[in-house]
């Protein structure tokens, strides 16, 4: 009986370990997705601001030359 109980305990331990590994992998995947989302947002904001400033410079140059 002790061998059967030991095998049963090993199965429980393995199951517990596998569940923890899956949980850990899911958390890491979620963290990666969150970091990717943040990176995408930073890129979009950066590009948008760059375009905005370039457009503002053109408008201010046109306005300043137009008033002279």
PDB file of N, CA and C in Angstrom:
ATOM      1  N   UNK A   1       0.810  -1.208   0.000  1.00  0.00           N
ATOM      2  CA  UNK A   1       0.000   0.000   0.000  1.00  0.00           C
ATOM      3  C   UNK A   1       0.847   1.262   0.000  1.00  0.00           C
ATOM      4  N   UNK A   2       1.970   1.228   0.645  1.00  0.00           N
ATOM      5  CA  UNK A   2       2.783   2.436   0.712  1.00  0.00           C
ATOM      6  C   UNK A   2       3.281   2.848  -0.670  1.00  0.00           C
ATOM      7  N   UNK A   3       3.561   1.871  -1.547  1.00  0.00           N
ATOM      8  CA  UNK A   3       3.983   2.211  -2.905  1.00  0.00           C
ATOM      9  C   UNK A   3       2.854   2.904  -3.665  1.00  0.00           C
ATOM     10  N   UNK A   4       1.652   2.409  -3.503  1.00  0.00           N
ATOM     11  CA  UNK A   4       0.498   3.018  -4.168  1.00  0.00           C
ATOM     12  C   UNK A   4       0.267   4.431  -3.646  1.00  0.00           C
ATOM     13  N   UNK A   5       0.388   4.608  -2.351  1.00  0.00           N
ATOM     14  CA  UNK A   5       0.212   5.943  -1.765  1.00  0.00           C
ATOM     15  C   UNK A   5       1.325   6.879  -2.244  1.00  0.00           C
ATOM     16  N   UNK A   6       2.529   6.338  -2.340  1.00  0.00           N
ATOM     17  CA  UNK A   6       3.652   7.151  -2.790  1.00  0.00           C
ATOM     18  C   UNK A   6       3.451   7.592  -4.239  1.00  0.00           C
ATOM     19  N   UNK A   7       2.981   6.685  -5.085  1.00  0.00           N
ATOM     20  CA  UNK A   7       2.698   7.035  -6.475  1.00  0.00           C
ATOM     21  C   UNK A   7       1.596   8.082  -6.552  1.00  0.00           C
ATOM     22  N   UNK A   8       0.580   7.904  -5.709  1.00  0.00           N
ATOM     23  CA  UNK A   8      -0.524   8.866  -5.680  1.00  0.00           C
ATOM     24  C   UNK A   8      -0.006  10.242  -5.260  1.00  0.00           C
ATOM     25  N   UNK A   9       0.863  10.278  -4.253  1.00  0.00           N
ATOM     26  CA  UNK A   9       1.438  11.546  -3.803  1.00  0.00           C
ATOM     27  C   UNK A   9       2.309  12.163  -4.892  1.00  0.00           C
ATOM     28  N   UNK A  10       3.065  11.324  -5.604  1.00  0.00           N
ATOM     29  CA  UNK A  10       3.887  11.823  -6.706  1.00  0.00           C
ATOM     30  C   UNK A  10       3.014  12.447  -7.789  1.00  0.00           C
ATOM     31  N   UNK A  11       1.893  11.788  -8.094  1.00  0.00           N
ATOM     32  CA  UNK A  11       0.977  12.327  -9.102  1.00  0.00           C
ATOM     33  C   UNK A  11       0.417  13.670  -8.650  1.00  0.00           C
ATOM     34  N   UNK A  12       0.063  13.747  -7.363  1.00  0.00           N
ATOM     35  CA  UNK A  12      -0.463  15.007  -6.828  1.00  0.00           C
ATOM     36  C   UNK A  12       0.602  16.091  -6.891  1.00  0.00           C
ATOM     37  N   UNK A  13       1.840  15.733  -6.524  1.00  0.00           N
ATOM     38  CA  UNK A  13       2.938  16.699  -6.577  1.00  0.00           C
ATOM     39  C   UNK A  13       3.173  17.173  -8.008  1.00  0.00           C
ATOM     40  N   UNK A  14       3.192  16.228  -8.939  1.00  0.00           N
ATOM     41  CA  UNK A  14       3.396  16.585 -10.343  1.00  0.00           C
ATOM     42  C   UNK A  14       2.269  17.470 -10.849  1.00  0.00           C
ATOM     43  N   UNK A  15       1.051  17.140 -10.464  1.00  0.00           N
ATOM     44  CA  UNK A  15      -0.099  17.939 -10.877  1.00  0.00           C
ATOM     45  C   UNK A  15       0.013  19.353 -10.309  1.00  0.00           C
ATOM     46  N   UNK A  16       0.396  19.450  -9.053  1.00  0.00           N
ATOM     47  CA  UNK A  16       0.561  20.743  -8.396  1.00  0.00           C
ATOM     48  C   UNK A  16       1.653  21.553  -9.094  1.00  0.00           C
ATOM     49  N   UNK A  17       2.757  20.905  -9.402  1.00  0.00           N
ATOM     50  CA  UNK A  17       3.868  21.575 -10.077  1.00  0.00           C
ATOM     51  C   UNK A  17       3.445  22.033 -11.466  1.00  0.00           C
ATOM     52  N   UNK A  18       2.759  21.178 -12.198  1.00  0.00           N
ATOM     53  CA  UNK A  18       2.303  21.543 -13.541  1.00  0.00           C
ATOM     54  C   UNK A  18       1.341  22.721 -13.503  1.00  0.00           C
ATOM     55  N   UNK A  19       0.446  22.732 -12.521  1.00  0.00           N
ATOM     56  CA  UNK A  19      -0.486  23.860 -12.390  1.00  0.00           C
ATOM     57  C   UNK A  19       0.274  25.144 -12.102  1.00  0.00           C
ATOM     58  N   UNK A  20       1.283  25.063 -11.226  1.00  0.00           N
ATOM     59  CA  UNK A  20       2.077  26.249 -10.909  1.00  0.00           C
ATOM     60  C   UNK A  20       2.860  26.738 -12.121  1.00  0.00           C
ATOM     61  N   UNK A  21       3.381  25.811 -12.890  1.00  0.00           N
ATOM     62  CA  UNK A  21       4.110  26.182 -14.103  1.00  0.00           C
ATOM     63  C   UNK A  21       3.173  26.870 -15.086  1.00  0.00           C
ATOM     64  N   UNK A  22       1.988  26.317 -15.278  1.00  0.00           N
ATOM     65  CA  UNK A  22       1.014  26.932 -16.186  1.00  0.00           C
ATOM     66  C   UNK A  22       0.617  28.326 -15.715  1.00  0.00           C
ATOM     67  N   UNK A  23       0.394  28.466 -14.414  1.00  0.00           N
ATOM     68  CA  UNK A  23       0.036  29.766 -13.851  1.00  0.00           C
ATOM     69  C   UNK A  23       1.161  30.766 -14.081  1.00  0.00           C
ATOM     70  N   UNK A  24       2.388  30.330 -13.827  1.00  0.00           N
ATOM     71  CA  UNK A  24       3.550  31.194 -14.033  1.00  0.00           C
ATOM     72  C   UNK A  24       3.670  31.602 -15.493  1.00  0.00           C
ATOM     73  N   UNK A  25       3.510  30.654 -16.399  1.00  0.00           N
ATOM     74  CA  UNK A  25       3.599  30.948 -17.833  1.00  0.00           C
ATOM     75  C   UNK A  25       2.509  31.926 -18.263  1.00  0.00           C
ATOM     76  N   UNK A  26       1.303  31.758 -17.731  1.00  0.00           N
ATOM     77  CA  UNK A  26       0.211  32.671 -18.069  1.00  0.00           C
ATOM     78  C   UNK A  26       0.514  34.083 -17.581  1.00  0.00           C
ATOM     79  N   UNK A  27       1.049  34.189 -16.360  1.00  0.00           N
ATOM     80  CA  UNK A  27       1.386  35.506 -15.824  1.00  0.00           C
ATOM     81  C   UNK A  27       2.476  36.167 -16.655  1.00  0.00           C
ATOM     82  N   UNK A  28       3.482  35.401 -17.040  1.00  0.00           N
ATOM     83  CA  UNK A  28       4.562  35.949 -17.867  1.00  0.00           C
ATOM     84  C   UNK A  28       4.023  36.406 -19.219  1.00  0.00           C
ATOM     85  N   UNK A  29       3.121  35.633 -19.787  1.00  0.00           N
ATOM     86  CA  UNK A  29       2.527  35.990 -21.079  1.00  0.00           C
ATOM     87  C   UNK A  29       1.714  37.278 -20.950  1.00  0.00           C
ATOM     88  N   UNK A  30       0.962  37.407 -19.858  1.00  0.00           N
ATOM     89  CA  UNK A  30       0.186  38.626 -19.624  1.00  0.00           C
ATOM     90  C   UNK A  30       1.109  39.831 -19.468  1.00  0.00           C
ATOM     91  N   UNK A  31       2.226  39.641 -18.757  1.00  0.00           N
ATOM     92  CA  UNK A  31       3.187  40.727 -18.587  1.00  0.00           C
ATOM     93  C   UNK A  31       3.783  41.138 -19.932  1.00  0.00           C
ATOM     94  N   UNK A  32       4.093  40.162 -20.765  1.00  0.00           N
ATOM     95  CA  UNK A  32       4.630  40.463 -22.097  1.00  0.00           C
ATOM     96  C   UNK A  32       3.619  41.245 -22.922  1.00  0.00           C
ATOM     97  N   UNK A  33       2.362  40.829 -22.870  1.00  0.00           N
ATOM     98  CA  UNK A  33       1.314  41.526 -23.616  1.00  0.00           C
ATOM     99  C   UNK A  33       1.160  42.959 -23.124  1.00  0.00           C
ATOM    100  N   UNK A  34       1.218  43.137 -21.809  1.00  0.00           N
ATOM    101  CA  UNK A  34       1.090  44.477 -21.241  1.00  0.00           C
ATOM    102  C   UNK A  34       2.264  45.361 -21.682  1.00  0.00           C
ATOM    103  N   UNK A  35       3.461  44.813 -21.650  1.00  0.00           N
ATOM    104  CA  UNK A  35       4.626  45.575 -22.092  1.00  0.00           C
ATOM    105  C   UNK A  35       4.533  45.921 -23.577  1.00  0.00           C
ATOM    106  N   UNK A  36       4.063  44.981 -24.369  1.00  0.00           N
ATOM    107  CA  UNK A  36       3.898  45.239 -25.801  1.00  0.00           C
ATOM    108  C   UNK A  36       2.871  46.340 -26.031  1.00  0.00           C
ATOM    109  N   UNK A  37       1.763  46.289 -25.304  1.00  0.00           N
ATOM    110  CA  UNK A  37       0.740  47.329 -25.430  1.00  0.00           C
ATOM    111  C   UNK A  37       1.302  48.694 -25.060  1.00  0.00           C
ATOM    112  N   UNK A  38       2.074  48.752 -23.975  1.00  0.00           N
ATOM    113  CA  UNK A  38       2.676  50.021 -23.556  1.00  0.00           C
ATOM    114  C   UNK A  38       3.647  50.535 -24.618  1.00  0.00           C
ATOM    115  N   UNK A  39       4.407  49.624 -25.196  1.00  0.00           N
ATOM    116  CA  UNK A  39       5.351  50.017 -26.238  1.00  0.00           C
ATOM    117  C   UNK A  39       4.624  50.561 -27.459  1.00  0.00           C
ATOM    118  N   UNK A  40       3.562  49.900 -27.854  1.00  0.00           N
ATOM    119  CA  UNK A  40       2.772  50.358 -29.003  1.00  0.00           C
ATOM    120  C   UNK A  40       2.199  51.747 -28.730  1.00  0.00           C
ATOM    121  N   UNK A  41       1.690  51.962 -27.531  1.00  0.00           N
ATOM    122  CA  UNK A  41       1.131  53.270 -27.172  1.00  0.00           C
ATOM    123  C   UNK A  41       2.228  54.332 -27.226  1.00  0.00           C
ATOM    124  N   UNK A  42       3.416  54.028 -26.706  1.00  0.00           N
ATOM    125  CA  UNK A  42       4.519  54.996 -26.730  1.00  0.00           C
ATOM    126  C   UNK A  42       4.899  55.353 -28.162  1.00  0.00           C
ATOM    127  N   UNK A  43       4.932  54.345 -29.014  1.00  0.00           N
ATOM    128  CA  UNK A  43       5.285  54.589 -30.413  1.00  0.00           C
ATOM    129  C   UNK A  43       4.243  55.477 -31.079  1.00  0.00           C
ATOM    130  N   UNK A  44       2.977  55.164 -30.865  1.00  0.00           N
ATOM    131  CA  UNK A  44       1.895  55.954 -31.468  1.00  0.00           C
ATOM    132  C   UNK A  44       1.937  57.392 -30.965  1.00  0.00           C
ATOM    133  N   UNK A  45       2.110  57.571 -29.667  1.00  0.00           N
ATOM    134  CA  UNK A  45       2.165  58.919 -29.101  1.00  0.00           C
ATOM    135  C   UNK A  45       3.369  59.675 -29.655  1.00  0.00           C
ATOM    136  N   UNK A  46       4.497  59.006 -29.723  1.00  0.00           N
ATOM    137  CA  UNK A  46       5.705  59.642 -30.241  1.00  0.00           C
ATOM    138  C   UNK A  46       5.528  60.095 -31.688  1.00  0.00           C
ATOM    139  N   UNK A  47       4.988  59.223 -32.517  1.00  0.00           N
ATOM    140  CA  UNK A  47       4.765  59.566 -33.928  1.00  0.00           C
ATOM    141  C   UNK A  47       3.753  60.697 -34.049  1.00  0.00           C
ATOM    142  N   UNK A  48       2.690  60.622 -33.260  1.00  0.00           N
ATOM    143  CA  UNK A  48       1.654  61.658 -33.305  1.00  0.00           C
ATOM    144  C   UNK A  48       2.225  63.010 -32.891  1.00  0.00           C
ATOM    145  N   UNK A  49       3.003  63.025 -31.815  1.00  0.00           N
ATOM    146  CA  UNK A  49       3.604  64.286 -31.371  1.00  0.00           C
ATOM    147  C   UNK A  49       4.587  64.823 -32.405  1.00  0.00           C
ATOM    148  N   UNK A  50       5.363  63.937 -32.997  1.00  0.00           N
ATOM    149  CA  UNK A  50       6.315  64.363 -34.027  1.00  0.00           C
ATOM    150  C   UNK A  50       5.576  65.016 -35.192  1.00  0.00           C
ATOM    151  N   UNK A  51       4.516  64.368 -35.655  1.00  0.00           N
ATOM    152  CA  UNK A  51       3.731  64.931 -36.755  1.00  0.00           C
ATOM    153  C   UNK A  51       3.095  66.256 -36.354  1.00  0.00           C
ATOM    154  N   UNK A  52       2.615  66.326 -35.123  1.00  0.00           N
ATOM    155  CA  UNK A  52       1.989  67.560 -34.637  1.00  0.00           C
ATOM    156  C   UNK A  52       2.998  68.701 -34.633  1.00  0.00           C
ATOM    157  N   UNK A  53       4.177  68.460 -34.073  1.00  0.00           N
ATOM    158  CA  UNK A  53       5.187  69.515 -34.010  1.00  0.00           C
ATOM    159  C   UNK A  53       5.672  69.913 -35.393  1.00  0.00           C
ATOM    160  N   UNK A  54       5.822  68.948 -36.289  1.00  0.00           N
ATOM    161  CA  UNK A  54       6.225  69.277 -37.655  1.00  0.00           C
ATOM    162  C   UNK A  54       5.157  70.122 -38.338  1.00  0.00           C
ATOM    163  N   UNK A  55       3.900  69.785 -38.130  1.00  0.00           N
ATOM    164  CA  UNK A  55       2.796  70.541 -38.712  1.00  0.00           C
ATOM    165  C   UNK A  55       2.733  71.939 -38.111  1.00  0.00           C
ATOM    166  N   UNK A  56       2.910  72.048 -36.815  1.00  0.00           N
ATOM    167  CA  UNK A  56       2.873  73.353 -36.151  1.00  0.00           C
ATOM    168  C   UNK A  56       4.001  74.239 -36.650  1.00  0.00           C
ATOM    169  N   UNK A  57       5.179  73.681 -36.845  1.00  0.00           N
ATOM    170  CA  UNK A  57       6.301  74.467 -37.364  1.00  0.00           C
ATOM    171  C   UNK A  57       5.982  75.006 -38.748  1.00  0.00           C
ATOM    172  N   UNK A  58       5.404  74.186 -39.598  1.00  0.00           N
ATOM    173  CA  UNK A  58       5.051  74.620 -40.952  1.00  0.00           C
ATOM    174  C   UNK A  58       4.004  75.723 -40.905  1.00  0.00           C
ATOM    175  N   UNK A  59       3.004  75.549 -40.053  1.00  0.00           N
ATOM    176  CA  UNK A  59       1.934  76.548 -39.942  1.00  0.00           C
ATOM    177  C   UNK A  59       2.498  77.861 -39.421  1.00  0.00           C
ATOM    178  N   UNK A  60       3.340  77.800 -38.392  1.00  0.00           N
ATOM    179  CA  UNK A  60       3.891  79.038 -37.838  1.00  0.00           C
ATOM    180  C   UNK A  60       4.806  79.722 -38.843  1.00  0.00           C
ATOM    181  N   UNK A  61       5.555  78.963 -39.646  1.00  0.00           N
ATOM    182  CA  UNK A  61       6.410  79.567 -40.675  1.00  0.00           C
ATOM    183  C   UNK A  61       5.564  80.223 -41.758  1.00  0.00           C
ATOM    184  N   UNK A  62       4.494  79.560 -42.149  1.00  0.00           N
ATOM    185  CA  UNK A  62       3.602  80.123 -43.170  1.00  0.00           C
ATOM    186  C   UNK A  62       2.955  81.398 -42.643  1.00  0.00           C
ATOM    187  N   UNK A  63       2.498  81.371 -41.406  1.00  0.00           N
ATOM    188  CA  UNK A  63       1.851  82.545 -40.823  1.00  0.00           C
ATOM    189  C   UNK A  63       2.844  83.692 -40.679  1.00  0.00           C
ATOM    190  N   UNK A  64       4.061  83.389 -40.260  1.00  0.00           N
ATOM    191  CA  UNK A  64       5.034  84.466 -40.069  1.00  0.00           C
ATOM    192  C   UNK A  64       5.472  85.061 -41.405  1.00  0.00           C
ATOM    193  N   UNK A  65       5.599  84.258 -42.444  1.00  0.00           N
ATOM    194  CA  UNK A  65       5.968  84.804 -43.757  1.00  0.00           C
ATOM    195  C   UNK A  65       4.787  85.515 -44.395  1.00  0.00           C
ATOM    196  N   UNK A  66       3.618  85.089 -44.094  1.00  0.00           N
ATOM    197  CA  UNK A  66       2.425  85.716 -44.661  1.00  0.00           C
ATOM    198  C   UNK A  66       2.163  87.084 -44.073  1.00  0.00           C
ATOM    199  N   UNK A  67       2.562  87.327 -42.848  1.00  0.00           N
ATOM    200  CA  UNK A  67       2.298  88.610 -42.204  1.00  0.00           C
ATOM    201  C   UNK A  67       3.375  89.630 -42.499  1.00  0.00           C
ATOM    202  N   UNK A  68       4.534  89.202 -43.012  1.00  0.00           N
ATOM    203  CA  UNK A  68       5.617  90.158 -43.277  1.00  0.00           C
ATOM    204  C   UNK A  68       5.356  90.992 -44.479  1.00  0.00           C
TER     205      UNK A  68
END
